[in-house]
C-alpha atoms as a PDB file:
ATOM      1  CA  MET A   1    -128.969 -41.096  32.902  1.00  0.00           C
ATOM      2  CA  ALA A   2    -126.027 -41.693  31.319  1.00  0.00           C
ATOM      3  CA  HIS A   3    -123.041 -38.690  31.057  1.00  0.00           C
ATOM      4  CA  GLY A   4    -122.747 -37.729  27.491  1.00  0.00           C
ATOM      5  CA  ILE A   5    -125.545 -39.062  25.817  1.00  0.00           C
ATOM      6  CA  GLY A   6    -128.722 -37.355  25.423  1.00  0.00           C
ATOM      7  CA  ASP A   7    -132.041 -39.306  26.742  1.00  0.00           C
ATOM      8  CA  ALA A   8    -133.527 -39.870  23.638  1.00  0.00           C
ATOM      9  CA  GLU A   9    -130.406 -41.528  22.432  1.00  0.00           C
ATOM     10  CA  THR A  10    -129.839 -43.567  25.866  1.00  0.00           C
ATOM     11  CA  VAL A  11    -133.190 -45.033  25.342  1.00  0.00           C
ATOM     12  CA  VAL A  12    -132.611 -46.178  22.133  1.00  0.00           C
ATOM     13  CA  SER A  13    -129.268 -47.552  22.776  1.00  0.00           C
ATOM     14  CA  VAL A  14    -130.750 -49.387  25.358  1.00  0.00           C
ATOM     15  CA  VAL A  15    -133.605 -50.682  23.703  1.00  0.00           C
ATOM     16  CA  VAL A  16    -131.397 -52.384  20.897  1.00  0.00           C
ATOM     17  CA  LEU A  17    -129.308 -53.724  23.099  1.00  0.00           C
ATOM     18  CA  CYS A  18    -132.136 -55.099  25.140  1.00  0.00           C
ATOM     19  CA  LEU A  19    -133.504 -56.205  22.001  1.00  0.00           C
ATOM     20  CA  SER A  20    -130.597 -57.505  20.748  1.00  0.00           C
ATOM     21  CA  GLY A  21    -129.849 -59.622  23.707  1.00  0.00           C
ATOM     22  CA  VAL A  22    -133.361 -61.231  23.578  1.00  0.00           C
ATOM     23  CA  PHE A  23    -132.805 -61.962  19.958  1.00  0.00           C
ATOM     24  CA  ILE A  24    -129.358 -63.337  20.980  1.00  0.00           C
ATOM     25  CA  GLY A  25    -130.813 -65.427  24.181  1.00  0.00           C
ATOM     26  CA  ALA A  26    -133.578 -66.995  21.775  1.00  0.00           C
ATOM     27  CA  LEU A  27    -130.752 -68.578  19.372  1.00  0.00           C
ATOM     28  CA  GLY A  28    -128.878 -69.515  22.318  1.00  0.00           C
ATOM     29  CA  TYR A  29    -132.557 -71.373  23.354  1.00  0.00           C
ATOM     30  CA  LEU A  30    -133.080 -73.151  20.429  1.00  0.00           C
ATOM     31  CA  ILE A  31    -129.685 -74.551  20.151  1.00  0.00           C
ATOM     32  CA  ARG A  32    -129.187 -75.446  23.601  1.00  0.00           C
ATOM     33  CA  TYR A  33    -132.849 -76.612  24.529  1.00  0.00           C
ATOM     34  CA  ARG A  34    -134.494 -77.589  21.069  1.00  0.00           C
ATOM     35  CA  GLY A  35    -131.329 -78.956  19.577  1.00  0.00           C
ATOM     36  CA  VAL A  36    -131.217 -76.739  16.200  1.00  0.00           C
ATOM     37  CA  THR A  37    -127.185 -77.162  15.876  1.00  0.00           C
ATOM     38  CA  GLY A  38    -127.975 -75.998  12.551  1.00  0.00           C
ATOM     39  CA  LEU A  39    -127.545 -72.308  13.842  1.00  0.00           C
ATOM     40  CA  ILE A  40    -123.887 -72.955  15.347  1.00  0.00           C
ATOM     41  CA  ALA A  41    -121.853 -71.415  12.388  1.00  0.00           C
ATOM     42  CA  GLY A  42    -119.707 -73.731  10.902  1.00  0.00           C
ATOM     43  CA  TYR A  43    -121.339 -77.116  11.909  1.00  0.00           C
ATOM     44  CA  ASP A  44    -120.702 -79.727   9.923  1.00  0.00           C
ATOM     45  CA  ALA A  45    -122.836 -83.044  11.477  1.00  0.00           C
ATOM     46  CA  ASP A  46    -119.827 -85.115   9.606  1.00  0.00           C
ATOM     47  CA  ARG A  47    -117.554 -83.932  12.307  1.00  0.00           C
ATOM     48  CA  VAL A  48    -119.113 -83.526  15.492  1.00  0.00           C
ATOM     49  CA  THR A  49    -118.774 -86.476  17.461  1.00  0.00           C
ATOM     50  CA  ASP A  50    -121.318 -85.662  20.486  1.00  0.00           C
ATOM     51  CA  GLU A  51    -124.004 -83.084  19.065  1.00  0.00           C
ATOM     52  CA  ALA A  52    -126.028 -82.875  22.326  1.00  0.00           C
ATOM     53  CA  ALA A  53    -122.863 -81.541  24.404  1.00  0.00           C
ATOM     54  CA  LEU A  54    -121.888 -79.219  21.543  1.00  0.00           C
ATOM     55  CA  ALA A  55    -125.432 -77.979  21.506  1.00  0.00           C
ATOM     56  CA  ASP A  56    -125.313 -77.602  25.329  1.00  0.00           C
ATOM     57  CA  LEU A  57    -121.465 -76.067  25.211  1.00  0.00           C
ATOM     58  CA  ILE A  58    -122.314 -73.259  22.240  1.00  0.00           C
ATOM     59  CA  GLY A  59    -126.086 -72.728  23.295  1.00  0.00           C
ATOM     60  CA  GLY A  60    -125.390 -72.419  27.200  1.00  0.00           C
ATOM     61  CA  VAL A  61    -122.661 -69.476  25.757  1.00  0.00           C
ATOM     62  CA  VAL A  62    -125.001 -67.810  23.367  1.00  0.00           C
ATOM     63  CA  LEU A  63    -127.420 -67.547  25.663  1.00  0.00           C
ATOM     64  CA  VAL A  64    -124.951 -66.015  28.756  1.00  0.00           C
ATOM     65  CA  LEU A  65    -123.899 -63.670  25.770  1.00  0.00           C
ATOM     66  CA  GLY A  66    -127.111 -62.960  25.105  1.00  0.00           C
ATOM     67  CA  GLY A  67    -127.488 -61.252  28.880  1.00  0.00           C
ATOM     68  CA  VAL A  68    -124.130 -59.595  28.548  1.00  0.00           C
ATOM     69  CA  HIS A  69    -125.971 -57.723  26.012  1.00  0.00           C
ATOM     70  CA  VAL A  70    -129.316 -56.593  27.874  1.00  0.00           C
ATOM     71  CA  VAL A  71    -126.831 -55.887  31.549  1.00  0.00           C
ATOM     72  CA  PHE A  72    -124.928 -53.795  28.938  1.00  0.00           C
ATOM     73  CA  GLY A  73    -127.988 -52.155  27.753  1.00  0.00           C
ATOM     74  CA  LEU A  74    -129.613 -51.487  30.935  1.00  0.00           C
ATOM     75  CA  GLY A  75    -126.106 -50.001  32.413  1.00  0.00           C
ATOM     76  CA  LEU A  76    -126.202 -47.046  29.770  1.00  0.00           C
ATOM     77  CA  PHE A  77    -128.598 -45.418  32.688  1.00  0.00           C
ATOM     78  CA  VAL A  78    -126.460 -46.170  35.295  1.00  0.00           C
ATOM     79  CA  PHE A  79    -122.565 -45.697  33.849  1.00  0.00           C
ATOM     80  CA  THR A  80    -121.184 -43.344  31.320  1.00  0.00           C
ATOM     81  CA  PRO A  81    -120.411 -45.194  28.130  1.00  0.00           C
ATOM     82  CA  ASP A  82    -117.181 -44.308  27.506  1.00  0.00           C
ATOM     83  CA  LEU A  83    -114.106 -46.087  25.933  1.00  0.00           C
ATOM     84  CA  PHE A  84    -113.535 -48.155  29.217  1.00  0.00           C
ATOM     85  CA  TYR A  85    -117.272 -49.269  29.301  1.00  0.00           C
ATOM     86  CA  TRP A  86    -117.518 -50.276  25.457  1.00  0.00           C
ATOM     87  CA  SER A  87    -114.178 -52.199  26.155  1.00  0.00           C
ATOM     88  CA  GLY A  88    -115.517 -54.122  28.499  1.00  0.00           C
ATOM     89  CA  TYR A  89    -118.109 -55.279  26.707  1.00  0.00           C
ATOM     90  CA  LEU A  90    -115.945 -55.976  24.003  1.00  0.00           C
ATOM     91  CA  VAL A  91    -113.602 -58.002  26.176  1.00  0.00           C
ATOM     92  CA  VAL A  92    -116.736 -59.948  27.539  1.00  0.00           C
ATOM     93  CA  MET A  93    -118.591 -60.746  24.386  1.00  0.00           C
ATOM     94  CA  GLY A  94    -114.542 -61.527  23.032  1.00  0.00           C
ATOM     95  CA  THR A  95    -113.781 -63.367  25.873  1.00  0.00           C
ATOM     96  CA  GLY A  96    -117.254 -65.957  25.281  1.00  0.00           C
ATOM     97  CA  THR A  97    -116.969 -66.047  22.148  1.00  0.00           C
ATOM     98  CA  ALA A  98    -113.441 -67.445  22.015  1.00  0.00           C
ATOM     99  CA  PHE A  99    -114.471 -69.622  24.964  1.00  0.00           C
ATOM    100  CA  ALA A 100    -117.365 -71.167  22.750  1.00  0.00           C
ATOM    101  CA  VAL A 101    -114.928 -71.659  20.041  1.00  0.00           C
ATOM    102  CA  ILE A 102    -112.405 -73.541  21.992  1.00  0.00           C
ATOM    103  CA  ARG A 103    -114.151 -75.627  23.721  1.00  0.00           C
ATOM    104  CA  GLY A 104    -116.463 -76.905  21.237  1.00  0.00           C
ATOM    105  CA  ARG A 105    -113.332 -78.059  19.200  1.00  0.00           C
ATOM    106  CA  ARG A 106    -113.534 -81.329  21.543  1.00  0.00           C
ATOM    107  CA  TYR A 107    -116.620 -82.257  19.875  1.00  0.00           C
ATOM    108  CA  GLU A 108    -114.987 -82.209  16.487  1.00  0.00           C
ATOM    109  CA  VAL A 109    -113.011 -85.256  14.404  1.00  0.00           C
END
């Protein structure tokens, strides 16, 4: 088990992160493969030039970020959940989010 967290706390943290990762992944699936672009924050159909490409980009990024949640959740069984661990999590999530926002602008008027 991870250092500094009791067994029950570790299991609860892993379950919460994994379930939230599955939920986020499901949203990514709906956006990318089902074309539910209404789930994209700030989506305005009048401003989008290529809806399918935007759905592929955003849905793909959201799928990956759901996977990041699961990986970091399971990582709590192996790594100490210290400042370095959570900083890495924030950097990965922030980078993914920034990538989606910046690259998504190419599909807007």
